[in-house]
Protein backbone atom coordinates (compact mmCIF):
# COMPACT_ATOMS: atom_id res chain seq x y z
CA MET A 1 -19.98 -61.78 58.25
CA ASN A 2 -22.53 -59.00 57.86
CA ARG A 3 -20.66 -56.89 60.34
CA ARG A 4 -17.43 -57.41 58.40
CA LYS A 5 -19.17 -56.37 55.22
CA ILE A 6 -20.53 -53.34 56.91
CA ARG A 7 -17.03 -52.38 58.18
CA ILE A 8 -15.54 -52.82 54.72
CA ALA A 9 -18.33 -50.74 53.13
CA SER A 10 -17.84 -48.03 55.73
CA SER A 11 -14.17 -48.00 55.08
CA LEU A 12 -14.75 -47.73 51.32
CA ILE A 13 -17.19 -44.83 51.82
CA GLY A 14 -14.65 -43.11 54.02
CA ILE A 15 -11.97 -43.47 51.36
CA VAL A 16 -14.34 -42.13 48.68
CA ILE A 17 -15.20 -39.11 50.86
CA ALA A 18 -11.54 -38.46 51.68
CA VAL A 19 -10.58 -38.59 47.98
CA SER A 20 -13.47 -36.29 47.06
CA VAL A 21 -12.46 -33.76 49.73
CA LEU A 22 -8.81 -33.96 48.56
CA PHE A 23 -9.94 -33.50 44.96
CA PHE A 24 -12.06 -30.49 45.98
CA ILE A 25 -9.20 -28.91 47.86
CA GLU A 26 -6.79 -29.43 44.98
CA GLU A 27 -9.31 -27.97 42.52
CA GLU A 28 -10.01 -24.87 44.62
CA PRO A 29 -8.36 -22.00 42.73
CA LYS A 30 -5.45 -20.41 44.50
CA PRO A 31 -5.71 -16.69 45.17
CA GLN A 32 -3.86 -14.47 42.82
CA TYR A 33 -3.71 -10.75 41.97
CA PHE A 34 -5.93 -9.72 39.08
CA HIS A 35 -5.79 -6.42 37.20
CA ASN A 36 -8.98 -5.13 35.53
CA GLN A 37 -9.00 -1.84 33.62
CA GLY A 38 -11.05 0.03 31.05
CA ARG A 39 -13.20 3.11 30.50
CA VAL A 40 -16.22 4.10 32.50
CA PHE A 41 -18.10 7.39 33.31
CA GLY A 42 -15.98 9.22 30.72
CA THR A 43 -12.73 8.31 32.42
CA PHE A 44 -10.44 5.30 33.03
CA TYR A 45 -10.43 2.77 35.86
CA SER A 46 -7.76 0.43 37.16
CA ILE A 47 -8.54 -2.20 39.75
CA ARG A 48 -6.04 -4.65 41.32
CA TYR A 49 -7.16 -7.27 43.80
CA GLU A 50 -6.29 -10.66 45.33
CA SER A 51 -8.87 -13.30 44.59
CA GLY A 52 -9.51 -16.92 43.66
CA LYS A 53 -11.26 -15.75 40.47
CA ASP A 54 -11.54 -12.87 38.03
CA LEU A 55 -14.34 -10.61 39.23
CA HIS A 56 -14.46 -8.25 36.27
CA ASP A 57 -17.88 -9.23 35.16
CA SER A 58 -19.30 -8.47 38.60
CA ILE A 59 -17.42 -5.22 38.73
CA ARG A 60 -18.73 -4.13 35.30
CA ALA A 61 -22.30 -5.10 36.30
CA ALA A 62 -22.02 -2.89 39.41
CA MET A 63 -20.67 0.00 37.37
CA LYS A 64 -23.50 -0.31 34.88
CA ALA A 65 -26.12 -0.24 37.68
CA PHE A 66 -24.37 2.83 39.13
CA ASP A 67 -24.31 4.53 35.72
CA ASN A 68 -28.03 3.88 35.40
CA SER A 69 -28.53 5.78 38.63
CA LEU A 70 -26.27 8.74 38.63
CA SER A 71 -24.85 9.42 35.18
CA MET A 72 -25.99 12.78 33.75
CA PHE A 73 -24.80 11.63 30.33
CA ASN A 74 -27.10 8.63 30.43
CA PRO A 75 -30.60 9.91 29.34
CA HIS A 76 -32.23 6.92 31.00
CA SER A 77 -30.54 7.34 34.42
CA THR A 78 -32.41 8.17 37.58
CA ILE A 79 -30.75 11.60 37.89
CA SER A 80 -31.47 12.37 34.22
CA ALA A 81 -35.18 11.58 34.74
CA ILE A 82 -35.21 13.82 37.77
CA ASN A 83 -33.57 16.67 35.81
CA ALA A 84 -36.17 16.20 33.14
CA ASN A 85 -38.98 16.37 35.73
CA ARG A 86 -40.19 12.88 35.02
CA ASP A 87 -41.91 11.15 37.97
CA THR A 88 -39.08 8.95 39.30
CA VAL A 89 -38.49 6.81 42.34
CA THR A 90 -34.90 7.10 43.53
CA ASP A 91 -32.64 4.11 44.18
CA ILE A 92 -30.04 3.25 46.77
CA TYR A 93 -27.17 4.92 44.96
CA PHE A 94 -29.07 8.12 44.58
CA ASP A 95 -30.24 8.11 48.15
CA GLU A 96 -26.69 7.53 49.50
CA MET A 97 -25.41 10.34 47.29
CA TRP A 98 -28.15 12.67 48.48
CA ASP A 99 -27.47 12.03 52.15
CA GLU A 100 -23.74 12.70 51.77
CA ALA A 101 -24.26 15.74 49.56
CA GLN A 102 -26.57 17.19 52.26
CA ARG A 103 -24.00 16.61 54.94
CA VAL A 104 -21.16 18.23 53.03
CA ASN A 105 -23.42 21.12 51.97
CA THR A 106 -24.00 21.90 55.64
CA LEU A 107 -20.35 21.38 56.64
CA SER A 108 -19.08 23.64 53.84
CA GLU A 109 -21.73 26.31 54.52
CA GLY A 110 -23.10 26.00 51.02
CA ALA A 111 -19.82 25.77 49.12
CA PHE A 112 -20.77 22.24 48.03
CA ASP A 113 -24.18 22.11 46.34
CA ILE A 114 -25.43 19.45 43.84
CA THR A 115 -28.12 21.92 42.53
CA VAL A 116 -25.22 23.88 40.87
CA ALA A 117 -25.85 22.02 37.57
CA PRO A 118 -27.48 24.97 35.68
CA LEU A 119 -24.57 27.23 36.59
CA VAL A 120 -22.04 24.60 35.53
CA ASN A 121 -23.87 24.31 32.20
CA LEU A 122 -23.96 28.10 31.84
CA TRP A 123 -20.19 28.29 32.12
CA GLY A 124 -19.71 25.45 29.67
CA PHE A 125 -18.52 22.64 31.96
CA GLY A 126 -21.71 20.65 32.42
CA PHE A 127 -23.40 17.74 30.71
CA LYS A 128 -24.74 20.12 28.02
CA GLY A 129 -21.23 20.99 26.91
CA ARG A 130 -19.94 24.13 25.27
CA ASN A 131 -21.41 25.69 22.17
CA ASP A 132 -19.75 25.56 18.78
CA GLN A 133 -18.08 28.93 19.15
CA GLY A 134 -16.91 28.20 22.72
CA GLN A 135 -18.02 31.71 23.73
CA TRP A 136 -20.86 32.92 25.94
CA ALA A 137 -22.55 36.20 26.50
CA ILE A 138 -22.39 35.70 30.27
CA ASP A 139 -23.16 38.71 32.34
CA GLN A 140 -24.20 39.16 35.95
CA HIS A 141 -27.87 39.19 34.95
CA ALA A 142 -27.57 35.76 33.43
CA VAL A 143 -25.80 34.44 36.50
CA ASP A 144 -28.33 35.97 38.95
CA SER A 145 -31.24 34.64 36.94
CA ILE A 146 -29.95 31.11 37.30
CA ARG A 147 -28.93 31.57 40.94
CA SER A 148 -32.61 32.20 41.70
CA PHE A 149 -33.24 28.46 41.36
CA VAL A 150 -29.93 27.07 42.74
CA GLY A 151 -29.71 25.96 46.37
CA PHE A 152 -30.03 22.74 48.32
CA ARG A 153 -32.80 24.27 50.47
CA LYS A 154 -34.95 24.42 47.28
CA VAL A 155 -35.15 20.63 46.89
CA GLN A 156 -36.27 17.83 49.18
CA LEU A 157 -36.15 14.01 49.03
CA VAL A 158 -39.51 12.66 50.29
CA ASN A 159 -40.40 9.02 50.12
CA HIS A 160 -37.74 8.36 47.44
CA ARG A 161 -38.98 11.21 45.24
CA VAL A 162 -37.22 14.60 44.67
CA ILE A 163 -39.49 17.57 45.26
CA LYS A 164 -38.39 20.79 43.58
CA ALA A 165 -39.33 24.35 44.48
CA ASP A 166 -38.74 25.19 40.80
CA PRO A 167 -38.91 22.80 37.87
CA ARG A 168 -35.78 24.44 36.34
CA ILE A 169 -33.70 22.97 39.21
CA MET A 170 -31.22 20.40 37.97
CA LEU A 171 -28.88 18.14 39.93
CA ASP A 172 -25.18 17.41 39.26
CA ALA A 173 -23.64 14.38 41.06
CA GLY A 174 -20.36 14.73 39.20
CA ALA A 175 -18.53 15.95 42.29
CA VAL A 176 -19.27 12.71 44.20
CA ALA A 177 -19.86 10.05 41.49
CA LYS A 178 -16.30 8.80 40.85
CA GLY A 179 -15.72 8.50 44.60
CA GLN A 180 -19.00 6.80 45.23
CA ALA A 181 -18.33 4.41 42.34
CA CYS A 182 -15.00 3.44 43.95
CA ASP A 183 -16.93 2.61 47.16
CA VAL A 184 -19.37 0.52 45.14
CA VAL A 185 -16.66 -1.51 43.42
CA ALA A 186 -14.81 -1.94 46.72
CA GLY A 187 -18.04 -3.27 48.16
CA VAL A 188 -18.17 -5.93 45.34
CA LEU A 189 -14.63 -7.00 46.09
CA ALA A 190 -15.26 -7.19 49.87
CA LYS A 191 -18.46 -9.19 49.30
CA ASN A 192 -16.36 -11.70 47.32
CA GLY A 193 -13.91 -12.13 50.19
CA CYS A 194 -11.13 -9.86 48.88
CA LYS A 195 -9.00 -8.33 51.64
CA ASN A 196 -6.25 -6.85 49.45
CA TYR A 197 -7.24 -4.48 46.68
CA LEU A 198 -6.83 -1.05 45.14
CA VAL A 199 -9.75 0.57 43.21
CA GLU A 200 -8.94 3.66 41.16
CA ILE A 201 -11.51 5.48 38.98
CA GLY A 202 -10.46 8.74 37.42
CA GLY A 203 -7.92 9.35 40.15
CA GLU A 204 -10.16 8.60 43.11
CA ILE A 205 -8.90 5.70 45.20
CA VAL A 206 -10.05 3.06 47.67
CA CYS A 207 -7.36 0.65 48.93
CA ARG A 208 -7.20 -2.14 51.53
CA GLY A 209 -4.51 -4.48 52.67
CA VAL A 210 -1.31 -4.97 50.65
CA ASN A 211 -0.15 -5.28 47.01
CA ALA A 212 1.12 -8.41 45.22
CA LYS A 213 4.60 -7.91 46.76
CA GLY A 214 3.07 -7.80 50.32
CA ASP A 215 3.85 -4.08 50.62
CA LYS A 216 1.60 -1.14 51.19
CA TRP A 217 -0.08 0.29 48.07
CA HIS A 218 1.83 3.23 46.53
CA VAL A 219 -0.38 6.00 45.20
CA GLY A 220 0.61 9.30 43.73
CA ILE A 221 -0.61 12.86 44.23
CA THR A 222 -0.38 14.62 40.81
CA LYS A 223 1.55 17.86 40.54
CA PRO A 224 -0.91 20.53 39.32
CA ALA A 225 0.04 21.87 35.88
CA ASP A 226 -2.32 23.33 33.34
CA ASP A 227 -3.00 20.42 31.04
CA ILE A 228 -6.40 19.90 29.39
CA THR A 229 -5.12 16.85 27.61
CA GLY A 230 -4.54 14.94 30.88
CA ARG A 231 -1.30 13.53 29.45
CA GLN A 232 1.06 15.26 31.91
CA SER A 233 1.33 13.11 35.04
CA GLU A 234 4.28 14.38 36.99
CA LEU A 235 3.78 13.51 40.63
CA GLN A 236 3.99 15.92 43.52
CA GLU A 237 4.42 13.08 45.99
CA ILE A 238 4.02 9.30 46.36
CA ILE A 239 2.51 7.89 49.53
CA ALA A 240 2.47 4.34 50.84
CA VAL A 241 -0.85 3.37 52.36
CA SER A 242 -2.92 0.27 53.29
CA ASP A 243 -6.43 1.39 54.13
CA ILE A 244 -7.63 4.73 52.77
CA CYS A 245 -10.28 6.35 50.71
CA MET A 246 -8.78 9.28 48.84
CA ALA A 247 -9.98 11.86 46.26
CA THR A 248 -8.41 14.77 44.53
CA SER A 249 -9.97 17.79 42.93
CA GLY A 250 -8.17 20.45 40.96
CA ASN A 251 -8.51 23.21 38.36
CA TYR A 252 -5.51 22.33 36.27
CA ARG A 253 -7.14 19.97 33.71
CA ASN A 254 -10.68 21.23 33.16
CA PHE A 255 -10.60 24.91 32.18
CA TYR A 256 -10.65 27.22 29.15
CA TYR A 257 -9.70 30.78 28.29
CA ASP A 258 -12.38 33.29 27.58
CA GLY A 259 -10.22 35.93 25.92
CA GLU A 260 -7.44 36.33 28.47
CA GLN A 261 -9.59 35.22 31.35
CA LYS A 262 -8.99 31.69 32.59
CA ARG A 263 -12.27 29.95 33.57
CA SER A 264 -11.96 26.97 35.92
CA HIS A 265 -14.58 24.25 36.12
CA THR A 266 -15.09 24.78 39.83
CA ILE A 267 -18.20 26.99 40.21
CA ASP A 268 -18.99 28.60 43.55
CA PRO A 269 -22.79 28.08 43.96
CA ARG A 270 -22.87 31.00 46.32
CA THR A 271 -21.62 33.53 43.67
CA GLY A 272 -22.58 31.66 40.53
CA SER A 273 -19.12 32.11 38.95
CA PRO A 274 -15.90 30.16 38.53
CA VAL A 275 -13.62 30.37 41.61
CA GLN A 276 -10.50 32.53 41.52
CA HIS A 277 -7.96 31.83 44.24
CA SER A 278 -4.53 30.29 44.76
CA LEU A 279 -5.63 26.75 45.64
CA LEU A 280 -4.56 24.51 42.72
CA SER A 281 -5.59 21.10 44.06
CA ALA A 282 -7.06 19.47 47.06
CA THR A 283 -6.50 15.82 48.09
CA VAL A 284 -8.74 14.52 50.84
CA ILE A 285 -8.75 11.32 52.86
CA SER A 286 -11.92 10.32 54.57
CA ASN A 287 -13.97 7.29 55.73
CA THR A 288 -15.59 6.79 52.29
CA CYS A 289 -14.35 7.84 48.87
CA MET A 290 -17.73 9.51 48.16
CA ARG A 291 -17.22 11.74 51.18
CA ALA A 292 -13.56 12.39 50.22
CA ASP A 293 -14.69 13.38 46.73
CA ALA A 294 -17.35 15.80 47.96
CA LEU A 295 -15.02 17.35 50.50
CA ALA A 296 -12.23 17.80 47.89
CA THR A 297 -14.68 19.64 45.64
CA ALA A 298 -15.82 21.82 48.58
CA CYS A 299 -12.13 22.62 49.34
CA MET A 300 -11.67 23.88 45.77
CA VAL A 301 -14.59 26.22 46.15
CA LEU A 302 -13.49 27.53 49.58
CA GLY A 303 -9.78 28.17 48.91
CA ALA A 304 -6.94 26.91 51.07
CA GLU A 305 -7.52 28.68 54.39
CA LYS A 306 -11.24 27.98 54.72
CA ALA A 307 -10.82 24.47 53.24
CA LYS A 308 -8.35 23.51 55.96
CA GLU A 309 -10.71 24.90 58.59
CA MET A 310 -13.62 22.88 57.17
CA ILE A 311 -11.59 19.61 57.05
CA GLU A 312 -10.49 20.02 60.64
CA ARG A 313 -14.08 20.69 61.72
CA SER A 314 -15.26 17.52 59.91
CA GLY A 315 -13.63 15.22 62.50
CA ASP A 316 -13.22 12.38 59.96
CA ALA A 317 -11.04 13.75 57.13
CA GLU A 318 -7.58 15.07 56.40
CA CYS A 319 -6.38 17.13 53.46
CA TYR A 320 -3.28 17.87 51.37
CA LEU A 321 -3.56 21.25 49.65
CA ILE A 322 -1.29 22.57 46.86
CA ILE A 323 -1.36 26.32 46.44
CA ALA A 324 0.24 28.68 44.01
CA LYS A 325 3.08 30.71 45.45
CA GLY A 326 4.47 33.11 42.89
CA ASP A 327 6.09 31.00 40.16
CA SER A 328 6.19 27.88 42.44
CA THR A 329 3.83 25.96 44.71
CA GLU A 330 3.48 25.29 48.36
CA VAL A 331 1.90 22.35 50.24
CA ILE A 332 -0.40 22.81 53.27
CA THR A 333 -1.78 19.79 55.13
CA SER A 334 -4.27 19.42 57.89
CA GLU A 335 -2.97 18.69 61.38
CA LYS A 336 -3.28 14.88 61.28
CA TRP A 337 -2.55 14.19 57.63
CA GLU A 338 0.73 12.27 58.30
CA GLU A 339 -0.86 10.41 61.21
CA ARG A 340 -3.75 9.26 59.04
CA LEU A 341 -1.37 7.86 56.43
CA GLN A 342 0.24 5.59 59.04
CA LYS A 343 -2.97 3.77 59.89
């Protein structure tokens, strides 16, 4: 009799467990594609991903932590504290940015340099902004004076503290921040089990897997046209991709006219002045969006020919360059650009 009761009890327990498991399975949310968007870092973001839940809160938290590290417009950020010469211990975002900036500085032979901030401010494109008149008494003496404390060799990162050769040195992470932020958000998605997603922040992109239709993601390369409003968005080309990190840099949206002289926001740290050449935009694909962002900026400093040479020396990047050709444009790509898109 006791054995019979035991068998019945065991059967009931088994039924309860089976029902509980079935209930749990039925209650488990089915994966769906979410679309989160908004403003961050002075630009817009758009994030699409397949997940069992909306991850926007986690994404926003990661963006806030990143802003607290590398935003030059946030007076309490790590980089702002360093620029103000406050004793500051760097964080993981800053350290990762520093390492990549150092690598690209070497690869570009000084064309990419995060100590360019004082020169960017001088020409009216930095975090200090333009003055009320929008005019500057900029002469070679002013440029040379600032160049005396610009250069990556004049700063060191030692035990998570930045050591400056001159207290006037300031850092500008703007040329890598959007790309790095894309990597950070992609990391949040991957950590939460997402395998299909597209992260876009201010035109920089990280994508993996497929879209909601099961196809490759379709991303556009903007046709360069002078437009400080950012409202013109005619595309030069649309590419279908599954797994890339891509960044674009150009001089067609951030510029001004000083008299009849057009001043682009890309400053050559080696000369101290805005660049003047035929390269209108550079789109780079690399292993991380932070690296692609830095390399795209370096391309814009170097000009088309030297940019293509640098990308092909890198061994882990490809580029799509749009150059001015009279009244029209011409596209130049690195040797394995098409091959990289097929991966």
